[in-house]
Every structure is written in structure tokens, then in C-alpha cells.
């Protein structure tokens, strides 16, 4: 039986049809071999470090996926900081739920809403700068294991923030700390600097195809 790794490092069989028609004993042997290969693979990957993580793309789920990592970190007892760069004009349900971890979590909604709502570029830039200054304090603080910069990619795309400054700032994080940067349109140089990059691809969207507006529990 032959295995391969895809570009994400996941272990895959080359032909899933090879399981068809197997007896229980044949299937067990194949799974045992797969277990051995997986264990050998894990033995060669013992390095550990804090990651720079980017969630980008036009599909939904960038912030939601990041919040999943936030919950994991909180569950391990780690201190976490969230800084929202754009969506601060909303009062997100996430903020209410995450409030129960007030001893571990710092949540700063620094923006005043989406750019088409504010219609004031100078003020948006000031708000983004203030959010970045706040974020940098947490990024440099070794007490915080995870820092989420929500929608910061939008601030970079719109040139509210200087990319060189942001790259230098996240480069100052402690060795074991993680930084997540979300938002569509992540700059190529940020993607190059990151350790983990996920692109959310839009396939269908209820607003676009069906005219369904944002709903509580799904979009906010």
C-alpha cells in the first residue's frame, strides 16, 4: 500500500477505491500499516514554535476559524488578546460569549464599522493605527500565548497600516506565541512570512444567490 503527503502535510492514500471489497482482516492490516506510517511521520516532526497564521480569501469563515483557535487556547489556560480592526461598530455575539473568560481574555473592538459605513478615511486610519498600537503591546507580551488581529488584512489592503511596520511588529513576538491575522486580500509578503496560511474559497453565498441577509448566529 502506498501513501503520500499532500502540500498541507496530511497523509493520504493514493487510491481510496483500494478499500472496496476488502475483508475485515485485510482492512485491519491496511489500517495498521497506515498507523505505522503515521507514527513514523510524527517521529520526524518534533519541532515546536509559535506560529504566524493567516486566514484570507473571499469565502466566509476566516474569523470563525480563528475564534476556534482562541477557544482552544483558552481551554488550555492560556491568555489571549483579540483586536478587531474593522468590525468594531458591531457588538458581536462572540464578545458576549467570550466574556466568561475575562481573566484570560482581552477583547478590543477598535474599529467603527465597515469602511462604506464610516466614509471617513482619515478617521479610519487613526482608528487602525490605534488598534495596531494596542495589538503590538500584546504581541510583544510573553504572557499572551495567542493574539488575534481580526480584519487586519483589510486595514493593510486599504493602506491604513504600513505593511513593513506590521511585518516587523509580528516578528517581535515571543518564540512560543502565536499571532493570527484575518481578512481577505492578505498581502503577498505577509503570506510569505507566515507559517500557516488558509484561503477560504467562496463557492456559494446566500446573500449573493438568494438575497438572504446576514443572520444572528451565522454572520454575527
N, C-alpha and C. Protein backbone atom coordinates (compact mmCIF):
# COMPACT_ATOMS: atom_id res chain seq x y z
N UNK A 1 0.84 -1.20 0.00
CA UNK A 1 0.00 0.00 0.00
C UNK A 1 0.88 1.25 0.00
N UNK A 2 0.52 2.22 -0.81
CA UNK A 2 1.33 3.42 -0.96
C UNK A 2 0.61 4.61 -0.37
N UNK A 3 1.35 5.43 0.37
CA UNK A 3 0.80 6.64 0.95
C UNK A 3 1.56 7.84 0.40
N UNK A 4 0.91 8.99 0.43
CA UNK A 4 1.56 10.23 0.05
C UNK A 4 1.14 11.32 1.00
N UNK A 5 1.90 12.41 1.01
CA UNK A 5 1.52 13.60 1.76
C UNK A 5 1.13 14.68 0.78
N UNK A 6 -0.01 15.33 1.03
CA UNK A 6 -0.35 16.48 0.20
C UNK A 6 0.44 17.68 0.68
N UNK A 7 0.24 18.84 0.03
CA UNK A 7 1.07 20.01 0.34
C UNK A 7 0.80 20.57 1.73
N UNK A 8 -0.30 20.15 2.38
CA UNK A 8 -0.56 20.58 3.75
C UNK A 8 0.10 19.67 4.76
N UNK A 9 0.69 18.56 4.30
CA UNK A 9 1.31 17.63 5.23
C UNK A 9 0.38 16.52 5.66
N UNK A 10 -0.85 16.47 5.13
CA UNK A 10 -1.80 15.43 5.50
C UNK A 10 -1.45 14.13 4.78
N UNK A 11 -1.64 13.03 5.49
CA UNK A 11 -1.32 11.72 4.93
C UNK A 11 -2.53 11.20 4.18
N UNK A 12 -2.35 10.81 2.93
CA UNK A 12 -3.46 10.35 2.10
C UNK A 12 -3.07 9.06 1.40
N UNK A 13 -4.07 8.20 1.18
CA UNK A 13 -3.85 7.06 0.30
C UNK A 13 -4.00 7.54 -1.12
N UNK A 14 -3.27 6.91 -2.04
CA UNK A 14 -3.32 7.33 -3.42
C UNK A 14 -4.63 6.97 -4.09
N UNK A 15 -5.24 5.84 -3.71
CA UNK A 15 -6.46 5.39 -4.36
C UNK A 15 -7.46 4.92 -3.31
N UNK A 16 -8.48 5.74 -3.00
CA UNK A 16 -9.44 5.33 -1.97
C UNK A 16 -10.24 4.10 -2.35
N UNK A 17 -10.31 3.78 -3.66
CA UNK A 17 -11.07 2.60 -4.08
C UNK A 17 -10.42 1.30 -3.65
N UNK A 18 -9.18 1.37 -3.19
CA UNK A 18 -8.48 0.14 -2.80
C UNK A 18 -9.11 -0.52 -1.58
N UNK A 19 -10.00 0.21 -0.88
CA UNK A 19 -10.67 -0.38 0.28
C UNK A 19 -11.88 -1.20 -0.11
N UNK A 20 -12.36 -1.03 -1.34
CA UNK A 20 -13.56 -1.73 -1.74
C UNK A 20 -13.31 -3.23 -1.82
N UNK A 21 -14.26 -4.01 -1.27
CA UNK A 21 -14.19 -5.47 -1.36
C UNK A 21 -13.22 -6.13 -0.42
N UNK A 22 -12.62 -5.35 0.50
CA UNK A 22 -11.66 -5.95 1.43
C UNK A 22 -12.39 -6.72 2.53
N UNK A 23 -11.78 -7.79 2.96
CA UNK A 23 -12.28 -8.49 4.15
C UNK A 23 -11.92 -7.69 5.38
N UNK A 24 -12.51 -7.99 6.52
CA UNK A 24 -12.19 -7.29 7.75
C UNK A 24 -10.72 -7.42 8.10
N UNK A 25 -10.15 -8.59 7.87
CA UNK A 25 -8.74 -8.81 8.18
C UNK A 25 -7.85 -7.99 7.25
N UNK A 26 -8.17 -7.94 5.96
CA UNK A 26 -7.39 -7.15 5.02
C UNK A 26 -7.47 -5.65 5.36
N UNK A 27 -8.65 -5.22 5.72
CA UNK A 27 -8.82 -3.81 6.08
C UNK A 27 -8.02 -3.48 7.34
N UNK A 28 -8.07 -4.40 8.32
CA UNK A 28 -7.33 -4.17 9.55
C UNK A 28 -5.84 -4.05 9.28
N UNK A 29 -5.30 -4.89 8.42
CA UNK A 29 -3.87 -4.84 8.10
C UNK A 29 -3.51 -3.53 7.41
N UNK A 30 -4.37 -3.07 6.51
CA UNK A 30 -4.10 -1.80 5.84
C UNK A 30 -4.10 -0.64 6.83
N UNK A 31 -5.05 -0.66 7.75
CA UNK A 31 -5.12 0.42 8.74
C UNK A 31 -3.94 0.35 9.71
N UNK A 32 -3.48 -0.85 10.02
CA UNK A 32 -2.32 -1.00 10.87
C UNK A 32 -1.08 -0.44 10.18
N UNK A 33 -0.97 -0.69 8.88
CA UNK A 33 0.16 -0.15 8.12
C UNK A 33 0.08 1.37 8.07
N UNK A 34 -1.13 1.89 7.90
CA UNK A 34 -1.29 3.34 7.86
C UNK A 34 -0.91 3.95 9.20
N UNK A 35 -1.29 3.30 10.29
CA UNK A 35 -0.93 3.77 11.63
C UNK A 35 0.59 3.80 11.80
N UNK A 36 1.28 2.78 11.31
CA UNK A 36 2.74 2.73 11.42
C UNK A 36 3.39 3.87 10.64
N UNK A 37 2.89 4.10 9.43
CA UNK A 37 3.44 5.19 8.61
C UNK A 37 3.21 6.53 9.28
N UNK A 38 2.01 6.73 9.85
CA UNK A 38 1.71 7.98 10.52
C UNK A 38 2.61 8.19 11.73
N UNK A 39 2.84 7.15 12.51
CA UNK A 39 3.70 7.26 13.69
C UNK A 39 5.13 7.59 13.29
N UNK A 40 5.61 6.96 12.20
CA UNK A 40 6.95 7.26 11.71
C UNK A 40 7.06 8.72 11.26
N UNK A 41 6.01 9.19 10.62
CA UNK A 41 5.98 10.57 10.16
C UNK A 41 6.03 11.54 11.33
N UNK A 42 5.27 11.25 12.38
CA UNK A 42 5.24 12.14 13.54
C UNK A 42 6.56 12.16 14.29
N UNK A 43 7.28 11.04 14.27
CA UNK A 43 8.57 10.98 14.95
C UNK A 43 9.59 11.94 14.34
N UNK A 44 9.43 12.24 13.07
CA UNK A 44 10.39 13.12 12.39
C UNK A 44 10.01 14.59 12.52
N UNK A 45 8.89 14.88 13.17
CA UNK A 45 8.41 16.26 13.29
C UNK A 45 8.24 16.62 14.75
N UNK A 46 9.35 16.91 15.38
CA UNK A 46 9.35 17.19 16.82
C UNK A 46 9.53 18.67 17.13
N UNK A 47 9.72 19.50 16.10
CA UNK A 47 9.92 20.92 16.34
C UNK A 47 8.64 21.58 16.85
N UNK A 48 8.80 22.61 17.66
CA UNK A 48 7.67 23.36 18.18
C UNK A 48 8.02 24.84 18.21
N UNK A 49 7.12 25.69 17.77
CA UNK A 49 7.37 27.13 17.74
C UNK A 49 6.04 27.85 17.66
N UNK A 50 6.07 29.12 18.06
CA UNK A 50 4.90 29.96 17.86
C UNK A 50 4.72 30.26 16.39
N UNK A 51 3.49 30.35 15.94
CA UNK A 51 3.20 30.48 14.53
C UNK A 51 2.63 31.85 14.16
N UNK A 52 2.93 32.28 12.96
CA UNK A 52 2.23 33.39 12.33
C UNK A 52 1.22 32.75 11.38
N UNK A 53 -0.06 33.02 11.62
CA UNK A 53 -1.15 32.33 10.93
C UNK A 53 -1.98 33.36 10.17
N UNK A 54 -2.28 33.08 8.92
CA UNK A 54 -3.08 33.98 8.09
C UNK A 54 -4.32 33.26 7.60
N UNK A 55 -5.48 33.86 7.82
CA UNK A 55 -6.74 33.39 7.24
C UNK A 55 -7.21 34.45 6.25
N UNK A 56 -7.28 34.09 4.98
CA UNK A 56 -7.64 35.06 3.96
C UNK A 56 -8.57 34.41 2.95
N UNK A 57 -8.87 35.12 1.85
CA UNK A 57 -9.76 34.60 0.83
C UNK A 57 -11.13 35.25 0.89
N UNK A 58 -11.92 35.03 -0.16
CA UNK A 58 -13.23 35.67 -0.29
C UNK A 58 -14.35 34.89 0.38
N UNK A 59 -14.06 33.68 0.84
CA UNK A 59 -15.10 32.88 1.48
C UNK A 59 -15.31 33.25 2.94
N UNK A 60 -16.47 32.81 3.47
CA UNK A 60 -16.78 33.04 4.87
C UNK A 60 -15.94 32.12 5.76
N UNK A 61 -15.79 32.50 7.02
CA UNK A 61 -15.21 31.59 8.00
C UNK A 61 -13.84 31.96 8.49
N UNK A 62 -13.29 33.07 8.02
CA UNK A 62 -11.91 33.43 8.41
C UNK A 62 -11.84 33.73 9.91
N UNK A 63 -12.72 34.62 10.37
CA UNK A 63 -12.74 34.96 11.79
C UNK A 63 -13.23 33.78 12.62
N UNK A 64 -14.23 33.07 12.12
CA UNK A 64 -14.78 31.94 12.85
C UNK A 64 -13.73 30.88 13.12
N UNK A 65 -12.91 30.58 12.11
CA UNK A 65 -11.84 29.60 12.29
C UNK A 65 -10.82 30.10 13.31
N UNK A 66 -10.53 31.39 13.27
CA UNK A 66 -9.59 31.96 14.24
C UNK A 66 -10.14 31.86 15.65
N UNK A 67 -11.44 32.10 15.80
CA UNK A 67 -12.05 32.01 17.13
C UNK A 67 -12.02 30.58 17.67
N UNK A 68 -12.03 29.61 16.77
CA UNK A 68 -11.85 28.23 17.22
C UNK A 68 -10.50 28.03 17.89
N UNK A 69 -9.46 28.64 17.32
CA UNK A 69 -8.14 28.58 17.94
C UNK A 69 -8.12 29.35 19.26
N UNK A 70 -8.85 30.46 19.30
CA UNK A 70 -8.95 31.21 20.55
C UNK A 70 -9.54 30.34 21.64
N UNK A 71 -10.62 29.63 21.35
CA UNK A 71 -11.25 28.76 22.34
C UNK A 71 -10.31 27.65 22.79
N UNK A 72 -9.55 27.09 21.85
CA UNK A 72 -8.58 26.06 22.24
C UNK A 72 -7.55 26.61 23.21
N UNK A 73 -7.03 27.79 22.89
CA UNK A 73 -6.02 28.40 23.77
C UNK A 73 -6.59 28.68 25.14
N UNK A 74 -7.81 29.22 25.18
CA UNK A 74 -8.45 29.48 26.47
C UNK A 74 -8.65 28.19 27.25
N UNK A 75 -9.03 27.14 26.52
CA UNK A 75 -9.23 25.85 27.18
C UNK A 75 -7.97 25.28 27.79
N UNK A 76 -6.82 25.66 27.24
CA UNK A 76 -5.53 25.24 27.80
C UNK A 76 -5.05 26.18 28.91
N UNK A 77 -5.86 27.19 29.23
CA UNK A 77 -5.48 28.12 30.30
C UNK A 77 -4.59 29.25 29.85
N UNK A 78 -4.42 29.42 28.54
CA UNK A 78 -3.54 30.47 28.03
C UNK A 78 -4.25 31.82 28.02
N UNK A 79 -3.47 32.89 28.07
CA UNK A 79 -4.00 34.23 27.94
C UNK A 79 -4.05 34.59 26.45
N UNK A 80 -5.15 35.25 26.06
CA UNK A 80 -5.40 35.56 24.66
C UNK A 80 -5.84 37.01 24.55
N UNK A 81 -5.46 37.66 23.44
CA UNK A 81 -5.95 39.01 23.14
C UNK A 81 -6.55 39.01 21.74
N UNK A 82 -7.70 39.67 21.60
CA UNK A 82 -8.36 39.85 20.31
C UNK A 82 -8.47 41.34 20.04
N UNK A 83 -8.00 41.77 18.88
CA UNK A 83 -8.16 43.16 18.47
C UNK A 83 -8.89 43.17 17.14
N UNK A 84 -10.06 43.80 17.10
CA UNK A 84 -10.84 43.92 15.88
C UNK A 84 -10.52 45.25 15.20
N UNK A 85 -10.11 45.17 13.95
CA UNK A 85 -9.68 46.37 13.22
C UNK A 85 -10.81 47.04 12.44
N UNK A 86 -11.82 46.29 12.04
CA UNK A 86 -12.85 46.85 11.17
C UNK A 86 -14.25 46.71 11.76
N UNK A 87 -14.55 45.56 12.33
CA UNK A 87 -15.93 45.25 12.69
C UNK A 87 -16.39 45.86 14.01
N UNK A 88 -15.58 46.73 14.58
CA UNK A 88 -15.88 47.23 15.92
C UNK A 88 -17.18 47.97 16.06
N UNK A 89 -17.78 48.40 14.93
CA UNK A 89 -19.06 49.08 15.00
C UNK A 89 -20.19 48.16 15.41
N UNK A 90 -19.96 46.86 15.29
CA UNK A 90 -20.94 45.87 15.71
C UNK A 90 -20.71 45.55 17.18
N UNK A 91 -21.68 44.92 17.80
CA UNK A 91 -21.49 44.35 19.14
C UNK A 91 -21.58 42.84 18.99
N UNK A 92 -20.47 42.18 18.64
CA UNK A 92 -20.53 40.77 18.23
C UNK A 92 -20.99 39.86 19.35
N UNK A 93 -21.74 38.82 18.97
CA UNK A 93 -22.16 37.81 19.93
C UNK A 93 -20.94 37.12 20.53
N UNK A 94 -19.88 37.00 19.72
CA UNK A 94 -18.67 36.35 20.23
C UNK A 94 -18.13 37.07 21.47
N UNK A 95 -18.19 38.38 21.44
CA UNK A 95 -17.68 39.15 22.57
C UNK A 95 -18.45 38.83 23.84
N UNK A 96 -19.75 38.67 23.70
CA UNK A 96 -20.58 38.34 24.85
C UNK A 96 -20.24 36.96 25.40
N UNK A 97 -20.11 35.99 24.51
CA UNK A 97 -19.81 34.62 24.94
C UNK A 97 -18.42 34.54 25.57
N UNK A 98 -17.44 35.16 24.91
CA UNK A 98 -16.06 35.06 25.39
C UNK A 98 -15.85 35.84 26.68
N UNK A 99 -16.81 36.67 27.05
CA UNK A 99 -16.68 37.43 28.28
C UNK A 99 -16.55 36.59 29.52
N UNK A 100 -16.96 35.33 29.45
CA UNK A 100 -16.84 34.46 30.63
C UNK A 100 -15.39 34.08 30.92
N UNK A 101 -14.49 34.37 29.98
CA UNK A 101 -13.05 34.14 30.22
C UNK A 101 -12.34 35.47 30.48
N UNK A 102 -12.98 36.36 31.18
CA UNK A 102 -12.44 37.70 31.36
C UNK A 102 -11.09 37.71 32.05
N UNK A 103 -10.79 36.66 32.82
CA UNK A 103 -9.48 36.61 33.49
C UNK A 103 -8.36 36.20 32.55
N UNK A 104 -8.71 35.60 31.39
CA UNK A 104 -7.71 35.16 30.42
C UNK A 104 -7.71 35.97 29.14
N UNK A 105 -8.84 36.61 28.84
CA UNK A 105 -9.03 37.19 27.51
C UNK A 105 -9.18 38.70 27.57
N UNK A 106 -8.46 39.37 26.66
CA UNK A 106 -8.64 40.80 26.44
C UNK A 106 -9.24 40.99 25.05
N UNK A 107 -10.35 41.71 24.95
CA UNK A 107 -11.08 41.88 23.69
C UNK A 107 -11.22 43.37 23.42
N UNK A 108 -10.65 43.83 22.30
CA UNK A 108 -10.70 45.25 21.95
C UNK A 108 -11.33 45.41 20.56
N UNK A 109 -12.52 45.98 20.50
CA UNK A 109 -13.17 46.31 19.23
C UNK A 109 -12.80 47.75 18.91
N UNK A 110 -11.77 47.92 18.07
CA UNK A 110 -11.17 49.23 17.87
C UNK A 110 -11.72 49.97 16.67
N UNK A 111 -12.33 49.26 15.71
CA UNK A 111 -12.87 49.92 14.53
C UNK A 111 -14.25 50.49 14.81
N UNK A 112 -14.77 51.19 13.83
CA UNK A 112 -16.10 51.79 13.96
C UNK A 112 -17.07 51.25 12.91
N UNK A 113 -16.74 50.11 12.36
CA UNK A 113 -17.61 49.51 11.36
C UNK A 113 -16.92 49.41 10.01
N UNK A 114 -17.64 48.90 9.04
CA UNK A 114 -17.08 48.71 7.71
C UNK A 114 -16.81 50.06 7.04
N UNK A 115 -15.86 50.08 6.12
CA UNK A 115 -15.39 51.34 5.55
C UNK A 115 -16.49 52.09 4.81
N UNK A 116 -17.43 51.37 4.20
CA UNK A 116 -18.50 52.07 3.49
C UNK A 116 -19.51 52.70 4.44
N UNK A 117 -19.46 52.29 5.72
CA UNK A 117 -20.32 52.89 6.72
C UNK A 117 -19.69 54.16 7.30
N UNK A 118 -18.41 54.11 7.57
CA UNK A 118 -17.75 55.26 8.21
C UNK A 118 -17.58 56.43 7.24
N UNK A 119 -17.17 56.11 6.00
CA UNK A 119 -17.00 57.13 4.94
C UNK A 119 -16.05 58.26 5.37
N UNK A 120 -15.09 57.93 6.19
CA UNK A 120 -14.14 58.92 6.70
C UNK A 120 -12.77 58.26 6.75
N UNK A 121 -12.01 58.35 5.65
CA UNK A 121 -10.73 57.64 5.55
C UNK A 121 -9.75 58.09 6.62
N UNK A 122 -9.67 59.39 6.87
CA UNK A 122 -8.71 59.88 7.86
C UNK A 122 -9.01 59.29 9.24
N UNK A 123 -10.28 59.25 9.60
CA UNK A 123 -10.64 58.69 10.90
C UNK A 123 -10.40 57.18 10.95
N UNK A 124 -10.69 56.49 9.83
CA UNK A 124 -10.43 55.05 9.76
C UNK A 124 -8.95 54.76 9.96
N UNK A 125 -8.09 55.58 9.37
CA UNK A 125 -6.65 55.40 9.53
C UNK A 125 -6.24 55.60 10.98
N UNK A 126 -6.77 56.62 11.62
CA UNK A 126 -6.46 56.86 13.03
C UNK A 126 -6.89 55.68 13.89
N UNK A 127 -8.08 55.15 13.61
CA UNK A 127 -8.57 54.01 14.38
C UNK A 127 -7.71 52.77 14.16
N UNK A 128 -7.31 52.55 12.91
CA UNK A 128 -6.46 51.40 12.61
C UNK A 128 -5.10 51.53 13.28
N UNK A 129 -4.56 52.73 13.30
CA UNK A 129 -3.27 52.98 13.97
C UNK A 129 -3.39 52.70 15.47
N UNK A 130 -4.48 53.17 16.06
CA UNK A 130 -4.68 52.94 17.49
C UNK A 130 -4.82 51.45 17.78
N UNK A 131 -5.52 50.74 16.89
CA UNK A 131 -5.68 49.30 17.06
C UNK A 131 -4.33 48.59 16.95
N UNK A 132 -3.50 49.01 15.99
CA UNK A 132 -2.18 48.40 15.83
C UNK A 132 -1.30 48.66 17.05
N UNK A 133 -1.33 49.88 17.57
CA UNK A 133 -0.53 50.19 18.76
C UNK A 133 -0.94 49.30 19.92
N UNK A 134 -2.25 49.08 20.06
CA UNK A 134 -2.74 48.21 21.13
C UNK A 134 -2.31 46.76 20.88
N UNK A 135 -2.45 46.34 19.63
CA UNK A 135 -2.09 44.96 19.29
C UNK A 135 -0.62 44.69 19.56
N UNK A 136 0.24 45.64 19.22
CA UNK A 136 1.68 45.44 19.38
C UNK A 136 2.06 45.21 20.83
N UNK A 137 1.35 45.84 21.74
CA UNK A 137 1.62 45.63 23.16
C UNK A 137 1.40 44.16 23.54
N UNK A 138 0.32 43.58 23.02
CA UNK A 138 0.04 42.17 23.32
C UNK A 138 0.99 41.24 22.58
N UNK A 139 1.31 41.57 21.32
CA UNK A 139 2.22 40.74 20.54
C UNK A 139 3.58 40.61 21.24
N UNK A 140 4.05 41.68 21.83
CA UNK A 140 5.35 41.69 22.49
C UNK A 140 5.32 41.13 23.90
N UNK A 141 4.13 40.91 24.44
CA UNK A 141 3.97 40.47 25.83
C UNK A 141 4.01 38.95 25.91
N UNK A 142 5.00 38.36 26.54
CA UNK A 142 5.11 36.89 26.58
C UNK A 142 4.01 36.24 27.40
N UNK A 143 3.25 37.01 28.17
CA UNK A 143 2.15 36.42 28.93
C UNK A 143 0.99 35.99 28.04
N UNK A 144 0.93 36.54 26.82
CA UNK A 144 -0.17 36.23 25.91
C UNK A 144 0.30 35.23 24.87
N UNK A 145 -0.29 34.04 24.94
CA UNK A 145 0.13 32.96 24.05
C UNK A 145 -0.46 33.14 22.64
N UNK A 146 -1.63 33.79 22.53
CA UNK A 146 -2.27 33.94 21.24
C UNK A 146 -2.83 35.36 21.10
N UNK A 147 -2.55 35.99 19.96
CA UNK A 147 -3.09 37.31 19.65
C UNK A 147 -3.79 37.22 18.30
N UNK A 148 -5.07 37.58 18.28
CA UNK A 148 -5.86 37.57 17.05
C UNK A 148 -6.05 39.01 16.56
N UNK A 149 -5.57 39.27 15.35
CA UNK A 149 -5.73 40.57 14.71
C UNK A 149 -6.83 40.42 13.65
N UNK A 150 -8.07 40.66 14.07
CA UNK A 150 -9.20 40.39 13.21
C UNK A 150 -9.40 41.50 12.18
N UNK A 151 -9.47 41.11 10.91
CA UNK A 151 -9.65 42.01 9.77
C UNK A 151 -8.47 42.96 9.55
N UNK A 152 -7.32 42.63 10.11
CA UNK A 152 -6.15 43.48 9.90
C UNK A 152 -5.72 43.46 8.43
N UNK A 153 -6.00 42.36 7.72
CA UNK A 153 -5.63 42.30 6.31
C UNK A 153 -6.37 43.37 5.49
N UNK A 154 -7.59 43.67 5.89
CA UNK A 154 -8.34 44.74 5.22
C UNK A 154 -7.65 46.09 5.45
N UNK A 155 -7.23 46.32 6.69
CA UNK A 155 -6.53 47.57 7.01
C UNK A 155 -5.24 47.69 6.21
N UNK A 156 -4.57 46.57 5.99
CA UNK A 156 -3.35 46.59 5.17
C UNK A 156 -3.67 46.83 3.71
N UNK A 157 -4.71 46.15 3.22
CA UNK A 157 -5.09 46.29 1.81
C UNK A 157 -5.47 47.73 1.48
N UNK A 158 -6.16 48.40 2.42
CA UNK A 158 -6.60 49.78 2.21
C UNK A 158 -5.51 50.79 2.57
N UNK A 159 -4.34 50.27 2.97
CA UNK A 159 -3.19 51.10 3.34
C UNK A 159 -3.49 52.00 4.53
N UNK A 160 -4.32 51.52 5.44
CA UNK A 160 -4.50 52.20 6.72
C UNK A 160 -3.27 51.95 7.61
N UNK A 161 -2.61 50.80 7.37
CA UNK A 161 -1.41 50.43 8.11
C UNK A 161 -0.27 50.20 7.13
N UNK A 162 0.94 50.37 7.61
CA UNK A 162 2.14 50.15 6.81
C UNK A 162 2.55 48.68 6.92
N UNK A 163 2.66 48.00 5.80
CA UNK A 163 2.96 46.58 5.81
C UNK A 163 4.32 46.30 6.44
N UNK A 164 5.34 47.09 6.12
CA UNK A 164 6.66 46.88 6.70
C UNK A 164 6.60 46.94 8.23
N UNK A 165 5.83 47.89 8.74
CA UNK A 165 5.71 48.05 10.19
C UNK A 165 5.01 46.85 10.83
N UNK A 166 3.97 46.36 10.16
CA UNK A 166 3.25 45.20 10.70
C UNK A 166 4.13 43.95 10.66
N UNK A 167 4.84 43.75 9.56
CA UNK A 167 5.73 42.59 9.47
C UNK A 167 6.81 42.66 10.55
N UNK A 168 7.36 43.84 10.77
CA UNK A 168 8.38 43.99 11.81
C UNK A 168 7.77 43.74 13.18
N UNK A 169 6.54 44.19 13.38
CA UNK A 169 5.89 44.02 14.68
C UNK A 169 5.61 42.57 15.01
N UNK A 170 5.04 41.82 14.06
CA UNK A 170 4.75 40.41 14.36
C UNK A 170 6.03 39.61 14.47
N UNK A 171 7.10 40.13 13.88
CA UNK A 171 8.40 39.47 14.04
C UNK A 171 8.98 39.62 15.43
N UNK A 172 8.40 40.49 16.24
CA UNK A 172 8.86 40.70 17.61
C UNK A 172 8.16 39.80 18.62
N UNK A 173 7.26 38.96 18.17
CA UNK A 173 6.53 38.11 19.11
C UNK A 173 7.48 37.13 19.81
N UNK A 174 7.18 36.75 21.05
CA UNK A 174 7.99 35.74 21.73
C UNK A 174 7.97 34.42 20.97
N UNK A 175 8.97 33.62 21.21
CA UNK A 175 9.18 32.42 20.40
C UNK A 175 7.98 31.47 20.41
N UNK A 176 7.30 31.33 21.55
CA UNK A 176 6.22 30.36 21.66
C UNK A 176 4.83 30.98 21.48
N UNK A 177 4.75 32.23 21.15
CA UNK A 177 3.45 32.89 20.98
C UNK A 177 2.98 32.80 19.53
N UNK A 178 1.65 32.80 19.37
CA UNK A 178 1.04 32.71 18.05
C UNK A 178 0.31 34.01 17.74
N UNK A 179 0.33 34.41 16.47
CA UNK A 179 -0.41 35.58 16.00
C UNK A 179 -1.24 35.16 14.80
N UNK A 180 -2.55 35.48 14.83
CA UNK A 180 -3.44 35.18 13.72
C UNK A 180 -3.87 36.50 13.08
N UNK A 181 -3.78 36.57 11.76
CA UNK A 181 -4.19 37.75 11.01
C UNK A 181 -5.28 37.34 10.04
N UNK A 182 -6.47 37.93 10.16
CA UNK A 182 -7.58 37.54 9.31
C UNK A 182 -7.97 38.67 8.36
N UNK A 183 -8.75 38.30 7.34
CA UNK A 183 -9.28 39.27 6.40
C UNK A 183 -8.88 38.93 4.98
N UNK A 184 -9.76 39.26 4.05
CA UNK A 184 -9.47 38.98 2.64
C UNK A 184 -8.35 39.90 2.13
N UNK A 185 -7.74 39.47 1.05
CA UNK A 185 -6.72 40.29 0.41
C UNK A 185 -5.41 40.38 1.15
N UNK A 186 -5.02 39.33 1.86
CA UNK A 186 -3.74 39.36 2.57
C UNK A 186 -2.59 39.64 1.60
N UNK A 187 -1.70 40.58 1.91
CA UNK A 187 -0.59 40.90 1.00
C UNK A 187 0.34 39.70 0.79
N UNK A 188 0.92 39.63 -0.39
CA UNK A 188 1.80 38.51 -0.73
C UNK A 188 2.97 38.39 0.24
N UNK A 189 3.51 39.50 0.68
CA UNK A 189 4.66 39.44 1.60
C UNK A 189 4.25 38.92 2.97
N UNK A 190 3.03 39.19 3.39
CA UNK A 190 2.54 38.63 4.65
C UNK A 190 2.37 37.13 4.52
N UNK A 191 1.82 36.70 3.41
CA UNK A 191 1.65 35.26 3.16
C UNK A 191 3.01 34.57 3.16
N UNK A 192 4.00 35.20 2.55
CA UNK A 192 5.35 34.63 2.52
C UNK A 192 5.95 34.51 3.91
N UNK A 193 5.67 35.48 4.77
CA UNK A 193 6.24 35.50 6.12
C UNK A 193 5.54 34.54 7.06
N UNK A 194 4.31 34.14 6.74
CA UNK A 194 3.50 33.32 7.64
C UNK A 194 3.97 31.87 7.65
N UNK A 195 3.64 31.20 8.74
CA UNK A 195 3.92 29.76 8.87
C UNK A 195 2.75 28.91 8.40
N UNK A 196 1.54 29.44 8.57
CA UNK A 196 0.33 28.70 8.22
C UNK A 196 -0.63 29.67 7.53
N UNK A 197 -1.03 29.34 6.31
CA UNK A 197 -1.93 30.20 5.55
C UNK A 197 -3.10 29.36 5.05
N UNK A 198 -4.31 29.84 5.33
CA UNK A 198 -5.51 29.18 4.83
C UNK A 198 -6.31 30.18 4.02
N UNK A 199 -6.71 29.79 2.82
CA UNK A 199 -7.52 30.65 1.97
C UNK A 199 -8.93 30.08 1.89
N UNK A 200 -9.90 30.86 2.37
CA UNK A 200 -11.30 30.46 2.30
C UNK A 200 -11.83 30.78 0.90
N UNK A 201 -12.29 29.77 0.19
CA UNK A 201 -12.77 29.94 -1.17
C UNK A 201 -14.29 30.03 -1.19
N UNK A 202 -14.80 31.08 -1.81
CA UNK A 202 -16.25 31.25 -1.92
C UNK A 202 -16.78 30.38 -3.06
N UNK A 203 -17.71 29.49 -2.73
CA UNK A 203 -18.37 28.65 -3.73
C UNK A 203 -19.81 29.12 -3.93
N UNK A 204 -20.56 29.24 -2.84
CA UNK A 204 -21.91 29.78 -2.88
C UNK A 204 -22.11 30.66 -1.65
N UNK A 205 -22.95 31.68 -1.80
CA UNK A 205 -23.25 32.55 -0.67
C UNK A 205 -24.73 32.91 -0.71
N UNK A 206 -25.45 32.77 0.41
CA UNK A 206 -26.90 33.01 0.39
C UNK A 206 -27.28 34.44 0.07
N UNK A 207 -26.43 35.41 0.40
CA UNK A 207 -26.74 36.81 0.07
C UNK A 207 -26.67 37.02 -1.43
N UNK A 208 -25.63 36.45 -2.04
CA UNK A 208 -25.42 36.65 -3.48
C UNK A 208 -26.43 35.88 -4.32
N UNK A 209 -26.64 34.61 -3.98
CA UNK A 209 -27.51 33.77 -4.80
C UNK A 209 -28.99 33.90 -4.46
N UNK A 210 -29.30 34.15 -3.19
CA UNK A 210 -30.70 34.11 -2.77
C UNK A 210 -31.19 35.41 -2.13
N UNK A 211 -30.31 36.38 -1.99
CA UNK A 211 -30.73 37.64 -1.39
C UNK A 211 -31.06 37.53 0.09
N UNK A 212 -30.44 36.58 0.78
CA UNK A 212 -30.68 36.38 2.22
C UNK A 212 -29.72 37.25 3.00
N UNK A 213 -30.26 38.05 3.89
CA UNK A 213 -29.43 38.99 4.65
C UNK A 213 -28.69 38.28 5.78
N UNK A 214 -27.72 39.01 6.37
CA UNK A 214 -26.93 38.45 7.49
C UNK A 214 -27.87 38.06 8.61
N UNK A 215 -27.58 36.91 9.24
CA UNK A 215 -28.45 36.37 10.28
C UNK A 215 -27.69 36.14 11.57
N UNK A 216 -28.40 36.35 12.68
CA UNK A 216 -27.82 36.12 14.01
C UNK A 216 -27.41 34.66 14.15
N UNK A 217 -26.22 34.45 14.67
CA UNK A 217 -25.72 33.09 14.85
C UNK A 217 -24.95 32.56 13.66
N UNK A 218 -25.06 33.24 12.51
CA UNK A 218 -24.31 32.83 11.32
C UNK A 218 -23.27 33.89 10.97
N UNK A 219 -23.72 35.10 10.69
CA UNK A 219 -22.81 36.17 10.34
C UNK A 219 -22.36 37.00 11.53
N UNK A 220 -23.19 37.08 12.57
CA UNK A 220 -22.83 37.90 13.74
C UNK A 220 -23.45 37.31 14.99
